[in-house]
Amino acid sequence: DGIAQALRYAQALQCPRLHVMAGLVPAGADAATVRA
């Protein structure tokens, strides 16, 4: 949903780049699952 919203803004602003923040790794999360 967030990507869809960002792309609506990018179209209106004629912006060619969108930075997607990776996020903080959840405590105790499986590293392979997080990466996938």
PDB file of all heavy atoms in Angstrom:
ATOM      1  N   ASP A   1       0.834  -1.203   0.000  1.00  0.00           N
ATOM      2  CA  ASP A   1       0.000   0.000   0.000  1.00  0.00           C
ATOM      3  C   ASP A   1       0.871   1.256   0.000  1.00  0.00           C
ATOM      4  O   ASP A   1       0.558   2.248  -0.668  1.00  0.00           O
ATOM      5  CB  ASP A   1      -0.923  -0.001   1.215  1.00  0.00           C
ATOM      6  CG  ASP A   1      -2.047  -1.024   1.112  1.00  0.00           C
ATOM      7  OD1 ASP A   1      -2.297  -1.533   0.000  1.00  0.00           O
ATOM      8  OD2 ASP A   1      -2.671  -1.313   2.162  1.00  0.00           O
ATOM      9  N   GLY A   2       1.955   1.209   0.779  1.00  0.00           N
ATOM     10  CA  GLY A   2       2.858   2.354   0.839  1.00  0.00           C
ATOM     11  C   GLY A   2       3.532   2.632  -0.490  1.00  0.00           C
ATOM     12  O   GLY A   2       3.690   3.795  -0.900  1.00  0.00           O
ATOM     13  N   ILE A   3       3.937   1.589  -1.190  1.00  0.00           N
ATOM     14  CA  ILE A   3       4.552   1.771  -2.505  1.00  0.00           C
ATOM     15  C   ILE A   3       3.548   2.371  -3.484  1.00  0.00           C
ATOM     16  O   ILE A   3       3.879   3.275  -4.269  1.00  0.00           O
ATOM     17  CB  ILE A   3       5.100   0.437  -3.023  1.00  0.00           C
ATOM     18  CG1 ILE A   3       6.290  -0.019  -2.171  1.00  0.00           C
ATOM     19  CG2 ILE A   3       5.490   0.543  -4.495  1.00  0.00           C
ATOM     20  CD1 ILE A   3       7.478   0.914  -2.173  1.00  0.00           C
ATOM     21  N   ALA A   4       2.320   1.911  -3.435  1.00  0.00           N
ATOM     22  CA  ALA A   4       1.299   2.477  -4.320  1.00  0.00           C
ATOM     23  C   ALA A   4       1.096   3.962  -4.044  1.00  0.00           C
ATOM     24  O   ALA A   4       0.983   4.781  -4.972  1.00  0.00           O
ATOM     25  CB  ALA A   4      -0.016   1.715  -4.139  1.00  0.00           C
ATOM     26  N   GLN A   5       1.060   4.329  -2.761  1.00  0.00           N
ATOM     27  CA  GLN A   5       0.921   5.741  -2.409  1.00  0.00           C
ATOM     28  C   GLN A   5       2.129   6.544  -2.889  1.00  0.00           C
ATOM     29  O   GLN A   5       1.985   7.634  -3.469  1.00  0.00           O
ATOM     30  CB  GLN A   5       0.767   5.890  -0.889  1.00  0.00           C
ATOM     31  CG  GLN A   5       0.591   7.334  -0.440  1.00  0.00           C
ATOM     32  CD  GLN A   5       0.574   7.476   1.075  1.00  0.00           C
ATOM     33  OE1 GLN A   5       1.115   6.616   1.790  1.00  0.00           O
ATOM     34  NE2 GLN A   5      -0.032   8.539   1.574  1.00  0.00           N
ATOM     35  N   ALA A   6       3.331   6.023  -2.662  1.00  0.00           N
ATOM     36  CA  ALA A   6       4.543   6.729  -3.076  1.00  0.00           C
ATOM     37  C   ALA A   6       4.583   6.942  -4.579  1.00  0.00           C
ATOM     38  O   ALA A   6       4.982   8.015  -5.061  1.00  0.00           O
ATOM     39  CB  ALA A   6       5.770   5.949  -2.617  1.00  0.00           C
ATOM     40  N   LEU A   7       4.146   5.956  -5.338  1.00  0.00           N
ATOM     41  CA  LEU A   7       4.182   6.091  -6.789  1.00  0.00           C
ATOM     42  C   LEU A   7       3.145   7.090  -7.294  1.00  0.00           C
ATOM     43  O   LEU A   7       3.364   7.755  -8.315  1.00  0.00           O
ATOM     44  CB  LEU A   7       3.995   4.725  -7.445  1.00  0.00           C
ATOM     45  CG  LEU A   7       5.202   3.783  -7.286  1.00  0.00           C
ATOM     46  CD1 LEU A   7       4.883   2.402  -7.813  1.00  0.00           C
ATOM     47  CD2 LEU A   7       6.441   4.355  -7.990  1.00  0.00           C
ATOM     48  N   ARG A   8       2.042   7.224  -6.576  1.00  0.00           N
ATOM     49  CA  ARG A   8       1.083   8.288  -6.942  1.00  0.00           C
ATOM     50  C   ARG A   8       1.732   9.655  -6.766  1.00  0.00           C
ATOM     51  O   ARG A   8       1.575  10.548  -7.620  1.00  0.00           O
ATOM     52  CB  ARG A   8      -0.182   8.169  -6.094  1.00  0.00           C
ATOM     53  CG  ARG A   8      -1.073   6.986  -6.466  1.00  0.00           C
ATOM     54  CD  ARG A   8      -2.450   7.101  -5.834  1.00  0.00           C
ATOM     55  NE  ARG A   8      -2.412   7.007  -4.383  1.00  0.00           N
ATOM     56  CZ  ARG A   8      -2.490   5.875  -3.692  1.00  0.00           C
ATOM     57  NH1 ARG A   8      -2.602   4.717  -4.326  1.00  0.00           N
ATOM     58  NH2 ARG A   8      -2.466   5.878  -2.370  1.00  0.00           N
ATOM     59  N   TYR A   9       2.461   9.836  -5.682  1.00  0.00           N
ATOM     60  CA  TYR A   9       3.172  11.100  -5.465  1.00  0.00           C
ATOM     61  C   TYR A   9       4.269  11.292  -6.504  1.00  0.00           C
ATOM     62  O   TYR A   9       4.460  12.400  -7.032  1.00  0.00           O
ATOM     63  CB  TYR A   9       3.763  11.145  -4.058  1.00  0.00           C
ATOM     64  CG  TYR A   9       2.822  11.687  -3.012  1.00  0.00           C
ATOM     65  CD1 TYR A   9       1.836  10.893  -2.452  1.00  0.00           C
ATOM     66  CD2 TYR A   9       2.914  13.001  -2.582  1.00  0.00           C
ATOM     67  CE1 TYR A   9       0.958  11.384  -1.495  1.00  0.00           C
ATOM     68  CE2 TYR A   9       2.050  13.519  -1.628  1.00  0.00           C
ATOM     69  CZ  TYR A   9       1.074  12.713  -1.083  1.00  0.00           C
ATOM     70  OH  TYR A   9       0.212  13.209  -0.140  1.00  0.00           O
ATOM     71  N   ALA A  10       5.015  10.229  -6.786  1.00  0.00           N
ATOM     72  CA  ALA A  10       6.099  10.340  -7.762  1.00  0.00           C
ATOM     73  C   ALA A  10       5.576  10.781  -9.121  1.00  0.00           C
ATOM     74  O   ALA A  10       6.207  11.586  -9.818  1.00  0.00           O
ATOM     75  CB  ALA A  10       6.832   9.006  -7.882  1.00  0.00           C
ATOM     76  N   GLN A  11       4.414  10.272  -9.493  1.00  0.00           N
ATOM     77  CA  GLN A  11       3.830  10.662 -10.778  1.00  0.00           C
ATOM     78  C   GLN A  11       3.441  12.136 -10.768  1.00  0.00           C
ATOM     79  O   GLN A  11       3.738  12.879 -11.704  1.00  0.00           O
ATOM     80  CB  GLN A  11       2.619   9.791 -11.081  1.00  0.00           C
ATOM     81  CG  GLN A  11       2.012  10.042 -12.453  1.00  0.00           C
ATOM     82  CD  GLN A  11       0.944   9.026 -12.790  1.00  0.00           C
ATOM     83  OE1 GLN A  11       0.189   8.587 -11.931  1.00  0.00           O
ATOM     84  NE2 GLN A  11       0.875   8.629 -14.049  1.00  0.00           N
ATOM     85  N   ALA A  12       2.802  12.575  -9.693  1.00  0.00           N
ATOM     86  CA  ALA A  12       2.373  13.970  -9.607  1.00  0.00           C
ATOM     87  C   ALA A  12       3.561  14.926  -9.565  1.00  0.00           C
ATOM     88  O   ALA A  12       3.501  16.033 -10.113  1.00  0.00           O
ATOM     89  CB  ALA A  12       1.495  14.166  -8.376  1.00  0.00           C
ATOM     90  N   LEU A  13       4.646  14.517  -8.902  1.00  0.00           N
ATOM     91  CA  LEU A  13       5.812  15.378  -8.721  1.00  0.00           C
ATOM     92  C   LEU A  13       6.852  15.178  -9.813  1.00  0.00           C
ATOM     93  O   LEU A  13       7.908  15.825  -9.779  1.00  0.00           O
ATOM     94  CB  LEU A  13       6.445  15.106  -7.352  1.00  0.00           C
ATOM     95  CG  LEU A  13       5.527  15.291  -6.140  1.00  0.00           C
ATOM     96  CD1 LEU A  13       6.248  14.938  -4.855  1.00  0.00           C
ATOM     97  CD2 LEU A  13       4.980  16.710  -6.081  1.00  0.00           C
ATOM     98  N   GLN A  14       6.573  14.274 -10.759  1.00  0.00           N
ATOM     99  CA  GLN A  14       7.517  13.941 -11.827  1.00  0.00           C
ATOM    100  C   GLN A  14       8.881  13.584 -11.247  1.00  0.00           C
ATOM    101  O   GLN A  14       9.933  14.032 -11.726  1.00  0.00           O
ATOM    102  CB  GLN A  14       7.629  15.095 -12.828  1.00  0.00           C
ATOM    103  CG  GLN A  14       6.314  15.442 -13.501  1.00  0.00           C
ATOM    104  CD  GLN A  14       6.443  16.566 -14.502  1.00  0.00           C
ATOM    105  OE1 GLN A  14       7.383  16.609 -15.298  1.00  0.00           O
ATOM    106  NE2 GLN A  14       5.503  17.506 -14.475  1.00  0.00           N
ATOM    107  N   CYS A  15       8.849  12.761 -10.202  1.00  0.00           N
ATOM    108  CA  CYS A  15      10.066  12.384  -9.484  1.00  0.00           C
ATOM    109  C   CYS A  15      10.535  11.017  -9.976  1.00  0.00           C
ATOM    110  O   CYS A  15       9.779  10.043  -9.911  1.00  0.00           O
ATOM    111  CB  CYS A  15       9.801  12.348  -7.984  1.00  0.00           C
ATOM    112  SG  CYS A  15      11.266  11.942  -7.011  1.00  0.00           S
ATOM    113  N   PRO A  16      11.779  10.897 -10.415  1.00  0.00           N
ATOM    114  CA  PRO A  16      12.240   9.646 -11.020  1.00  0.00           C
ATOM    115  C   PRO A  16      12.869   8.649 -10.057  1.00  0.00           C
ATOM    116  O   PRO A  16      13.256   7.565 -10.475  1.00  0.00           O
ATOM    117  CB  PRO A  16      13.297  10.132 -12.026  1.00  0.00           C
ATOM    118  CG  PRO A  16      13.885  11.341 -11.368  1.00  0.00           C
ATOM    119  CD  PRO A  16      12.745  11.994 -10.624  1.00  0.00           C
ATOM    120  N   ARG A  17      12.987   9.012  -8.765  1.00  0.00           N
ATOM    121  CA  ARG A  17      13.659   8.134  -7.801  1.00  0.00           C
ATOM    122  C   ARG A  17      12.860   8.041  -6.509  1.00  0.00           C
ATOM    123  O   ARG A  17      12.346   9.058  -6.028  1.00  0.00           O
ATOM    124  CB  ARG A  17      15.066   8.647  -7.461  1.00  0.00           C
ATOM    125  CG  ARG A  17      16.029   8.702  -8.616  1.00  0.00           C
ATOM    126  CD  ARG A  17      17.289   9.471  -8.279  1.00  0.00           C
ATOM    127  NE  ARG A  17      17.984   9.848  -9.508  1.00  0.00           N
ATOM    128  CZ  ARG A  17      17.699  10.934 -10.212  1.00  0.00           C
ATOM    129  NH1 ARG A  17      16.747  11.775  -9.799  1.00  0.00           N
ATOM    130  NH2 ARG A  17      18.361  11.178 -11.326  1.00  0.00           N
ATOM    131  N   LEU A  18      12.833   6.832  -5.961  1.00  0.00           N
ATOM    132  CA  LEU A  18      12.119   6.586  -4.719  1.00  0.00           C
ATOM    133  C   LEU A  18      13.014   5.758  -3.810  1.00  0.00           C
ATOM    134  O   LEU A  18      13.411   4.647  -4.172  1.00  0.00           O
ATOM    135  CB  LEU A  18      10.814   5.838  -5.013  1.00  0.00           C
ATOM    136  CG  LEU A  18       9.883   5.543  -3.844  1.00  0.00           C
ATOM    137  CD1 LEU A  18       9.357   6.833  -3.238  1.00  0.00           C
ATOM    138  CD2 LEU A  18       8.724   4.669  -4.323  1.00  0.00           C
ATOM    139  N   HIS A  19      13.349   6.325  -2.655  1.00  0.00           N
ATOM    140  CA  HIS A  19      14.155   5.588  -1.683  1.00  0.00           C
ATOM    141  C   HIS A  19      13.220   4.751  -0.809  1.00  0.00           C
ATOM    142  O   HIS A  19      12.298   5.276  -0.189  1.00  0.00           O
ATOM    143  CB  HIS A  19      14.963   6.553  -0.813  1.00  0.00           C
ATOM    144  CG  HIS A  19      15.627   5.903   0.359  1.00  0.00           C
ATOM    145  ND1 HIS A  19      15.777   6.520   1.574  1.00  0.00           N
ATOM    146  CD2 HIS A  19      16.167   4.664   0.504  1.00  0.00           C
ATOM    147  CE1 HIS A  19      16.382   5.691   2.416  1.00  0.00           C
ATOM    148  NE2 HIS A  19      16.634   4.566   1.795  1.00  0.00           N
ATOM    149  N   VAL A  20      13.476   3.449  -0.768  1.00  0.00           N
ATOM    150  CA  VAL A  20      12.699   2.537   0.069  1.00  0.00           C
ATOM    151  C   VAL A  20      13.553   2.136   1.261  1.00  0.00           C
ATOM    152  O   VAL A  20      14.529   1.382   1.113  1.00  0.00           O
ATOM    153  CB  VAL A  20      12.252   1.299  -0.730  1.00  0.00           C
ATOM    154  CG1 VAL A  20      11.479   0.339   0.173  1.00  0.00           C
ATOM    155  CG2 VAL A  20      11.388   1.712  -1.919  1.00  0.00           C
ATOM    156  N   MET A  21      13.204   2.645   2.432  1.00  0.00           N
ATOM    157  CA  MET A  21      13.978   2.346   3.637  1.00  0.00           C
ATOM    158  C   MET A  21      13.803   0.875   4.017  1.00  0.00           C
ATOM    159  O   MET A  21      12.695   0.340   4.015  1.00  0.00           O
ATOM    160  CB  MET A  21      13.562   3.247   4.788  1.00  0.00           C
ATOM    161  CG  MET A  21      13.807   4.725   4.538  1.00  0.00           C
ATOM    162  SD  MET A  21      13.489   5.749   5.998  1.00  0.00           S
ATOM    163  CE  MET A  21      14.944   5.356   6.996  1.00  0.00           C
ATOM    164  N   ALA A  22      14.892   0.229   4.382  1.00  0.00           N
ATOM    165  CA  ALA A  22      14.863  -1.208   4.668  1.00  0.00           C
ATOM    166  C   ALA A  22      14.143  -1.530   5.968  1.00  0.00           C
ATOM    167  O   ALA A  22      13.405  -2.504   6.057  1.00  0.00           O
ATOM    168  CB  ALA A  22      16.290  -1.753   4.720  1.00  0.00           C
ATOM    169  N   GLY A  23      14.376  -0.719   6.999  1.00  0.00           N
ATOM    170  CA  GLY A  23      13.759  -0.964   8.292  1.00  0.00           C
ATOM    171  C   GLY A  23      14.726  -1.539   9.306  1.00  0.00           C
ATOM    172  O   GLY A  23      15.840  -1.983   8.979  1.00  0.00           O
ATOM    173  N   LEU A  24      14.298  -1.535  10.563  1.00  0.00           N
ATOM    174  CA  LEU A  24      15.066  -2.104  11.669  1.00  0.00           C
ATOM    175  C   LEU A  24      14.747  -3.597  11.771  1.00  0.00           C
ATOM    176  O   LEU A  24      13.582  -4.000  11.699  1.00  0.00           O
ATOM    177  CB  LEU A  24      14.719  -1.404  12.984  1.00  0.00           C
ATOM    178  CG  LEU A  24      14.790   0.132  12.974  1.00  0.00           C
ATOM    179  CD1 LEU A  24      14.424   0.679  14.347  1.00  0.00           C
ATOM    180  CD2 LEU A  24      16.174   0.625  12.551  1.00  0.00           C
ATOM    181  N   VAL A  25      15.774  -4.396  11.938  1.00  0.00           N
ATOM    182  CA  VAL A  25      15.569  -5.846  12.034  1.00  0.00           C
ATOM    183  C   VAL A  25      14.829  -6.158  13.337  1.00  0.00           C
ATOM    184  O   VAL A  25      15.267  -5.763  14.420  1.00  0.00           O
ATOM    185  CB  VAL A  25      16.909  -6.583  12.010  1.00  0.00           C
ATOM    186  CG1 VAL A  25      16.706  -8.085  12.198  1.00  0.00           C
ATOM    187  CG2 VAL A  25      17.644  -6.306  10.696  1.00  0.00           C
ATOM    188  N   PRO A  26      13.684  -6.841  13.276  1.00  0.00           N
ATOM    189  CA  PRO A  26      12.930  -7.152  14.496  1.00  0.00           C
ATOM    190  C   PRO A  26      13.741  -8.038  15.443  1.00  0.00           C
ATOM    191  O   PRO A  26      14.447  -8.945  15.007  1.00  0.00           O
ATOM    192  CB  PRO A  26      11.696  -7.898  13.973  1.00  0.00           C
ATOM    193  CG  PRO A  26      11.595  -7.523  12.521  1.00  0.00           C
ATOM    194  CD  PRO A  26      12.998  -7.311  12.058  1.00  0.00           C
ATOM    195  N   ALA A  27      13.635  -7.757  16.720  1.00  0.00           N
ATOM    196  CA  ALA A  27      14.354  -8.552  17.728  1.00  0.00           C
ATOM    197  C   ALA A  27      13.936 -10.018  17.628  1.00  0.00           C
ATOM    198  O   ALA A  27      12.746 -10.330  17.568  1.00  0.00           O
ATOM    199  CB  ALA A  27      14.066  -8.015  19.122  1.00  0.00           C
ATOM    200  N   GLY A  28      14.928 -10.885  17.595  1.00  0.00           N
ATOM    201  CA  GLY A  28      14.659 -12.315  17.572  1.00  0.00           C
ATOM    202  C   GLY A  28      14.234 -12.878  16.239  1.00  0.00           C
ATOM    203  O   GLY A  28      13.949 -14.079  16.135  1.00  0.00           O
ATOM    204  N   ALA A  29      14.177 -12.047  15.200  1.00  0.00           N
ATOM    205  CA  ALA A  29      13.711 -12.515  13.892  1.00  0.00           C
ATOM    206  C   ALA A  29      14.764 -13.401  13.238  1.00  0.00           C
ATOM    207  O   ALA A  29      15.972 -13.221  13.441  1.00  0.00           O
ATOM    208  CB  ALA A  29      13.392 -11.327  12.990  1.00  0.00           C
ATOM    209  N   ASP A  30      14.310 -14.349  12.454  1.00  0.00           N
ATOM    210  CA  ASP A  30      15.206 -15.222  11.696  1.00  0.00           C
ATOM    211  C   ASP A  30      15.841 -14.430  10.559  1.00  0.00           C
ATOM    212  O   ASP A  30      15.137 -13.820   9.740  1.00  0.00           O
ATOM    213  CB  ASP A  30      14.413 -16.402  11.134  1.00  0.00           C
ATOM    214  CG  ASP A  30      15.255 -17.288  10.246  1.00  0.00           C
ATOM    215  OD1 ASP A  30      16.134 -17.995  10.785  1.00  0.00           O
ATOM    216  OD2 ASP A  30      15.045 -17.256   9.018  1.00  0.00           O
ATOM    217  N   ALA A  31      17.169 -14.431  10.504  1.00  0.00           N
ATOM    218  CA  ALA A  31      17.888 -13.592   9.538  1.00  0.00           C
ATOM    219  C   ALA A  31      17.526 -13.948   8.103  1.00  0.00           C
ATOM    220  O   ALA A  31      17.363 -13.053   7.247  1.00  0.00           O
ATOM    221  CB  ALA A  31      19.388 -13.720   9.751  1.00  0.00           C
ATOM    222  N   ALA A  32      17.395 -15.219   7.799  1.00  0.00           N
ATOM    223  CA  ALA A  32      17.072 -15.626   6.433  1.00  0.00           C
ATOM    224  C   ALA A  32      15.679 -15.162   6.038  1.00  0.00           C
ATOM    225  O   ALA A  32      15.445 -14.747   4.894  1.00  0.00           O
ATOM    226  CB  ALA A  32      17.187 -17.141   6.302  1.00  0.00           C
ATOM    227  N   THR A  33      14.737 -15.218   6.977  1.00  0.00           N
ATOM    228  CA  THR A  33      13.379 -14.771   6.693  1.00  0.00           C
ATOM    229  C   THR A  33      13.334 -13.270   6.460  1.00  0.00           C
ATOM    230  O   THR A  33      12.646 -12.782   5.550  1.00  0.00           O
ATOM    231  CB  THR A  33      12.438 -15.160   7.845  1.00  0.00           C
ATOM    232  OG1 THR A  33      12.481 -16.570   8.025  1.00  0.00           O
ATOM    233  CG2 THR A  33      11.008 -14.721   7.564  1.00  0.00           C
ATOM    234  N   VAL A  34      14.072 -12.528   7.272  1.00  0.00           N
ATOM    235  CA  VAL A  34      14.135 -11.072   7.117  1.00  0.00           C
ATOM    236  C   VAL A  34      14.697 -10.715   5.745  1.00  0.00           C
ATOM    237  O   VAL A  34      14.148  -9.861   5.024  1.00  0.00           O
ATOM    238  CB  VAL A  34      14.990 -10.462   8.245  1.00  0.00           C
ATOM    239  CG1 VAL A  34      15.320  -9.006   7.947  1.00  0.00           C
ATOM    240  CG2 VAL A  34      14.264 -10.574   9.578  1.00  0.00           C
ATOM    241  N   ARG A  35      15.771 -11.361   5.349  1.00  0.00           N
ATOM    242  CA  ARG A  35      16.393 -11.074   4.058  1.00  0.00           C
ATOM    243  C   ARG A  35      15.456 -11.433   2.902  1.00  0.00           C
ATOM    244  O   ARG A  35      15.325 -10.670   1.938  1.00  0.00           O
ATOM    245  CB  ARG A  35      17.706 -11.840   3.939  1.00  0.00           C
ATOM    246  CG  ARG A  35      18.589 -11.409   2.769  1.00  0.00           C
ATOM    247  CD  ARG A  35      19.943 -12.121   2.836  1.00  0.00           C
ATOM    248  NE  ARG A  35      20.872 -11.529   1.908  1.00  0.00           N
ATOM    249  CZ  ARG A  35      20.950 -11.847   0.609  1.00  0.00           C
ATOM    250  NH1 ARG A  35      20.110 -12.753   0.121  1.00  0.00           N
ATOM    251  NH2 ARG A  35      21.836 -11.265  -0.171  1.00  0.00           N
ATOM    252  N   ALA A  36      14.815 -12.581   3.005  1.00  0.00           N
ATOM    253  CA  ALA A  36      13.893 -13.003   1.944  1.00  0.00           C
ATOM    254  C   ALA A  36      12.714 -12.049   1.831  1.00  0.00           C
ATOM    255  O   ALA A  36      12.247 -11.736   0.722  1.00  0.00           O
ATOM    256  CB  ALA A  36      13.414 -14.423   2.216  1.00  0.00           C
TER     257      ALA A  36
END
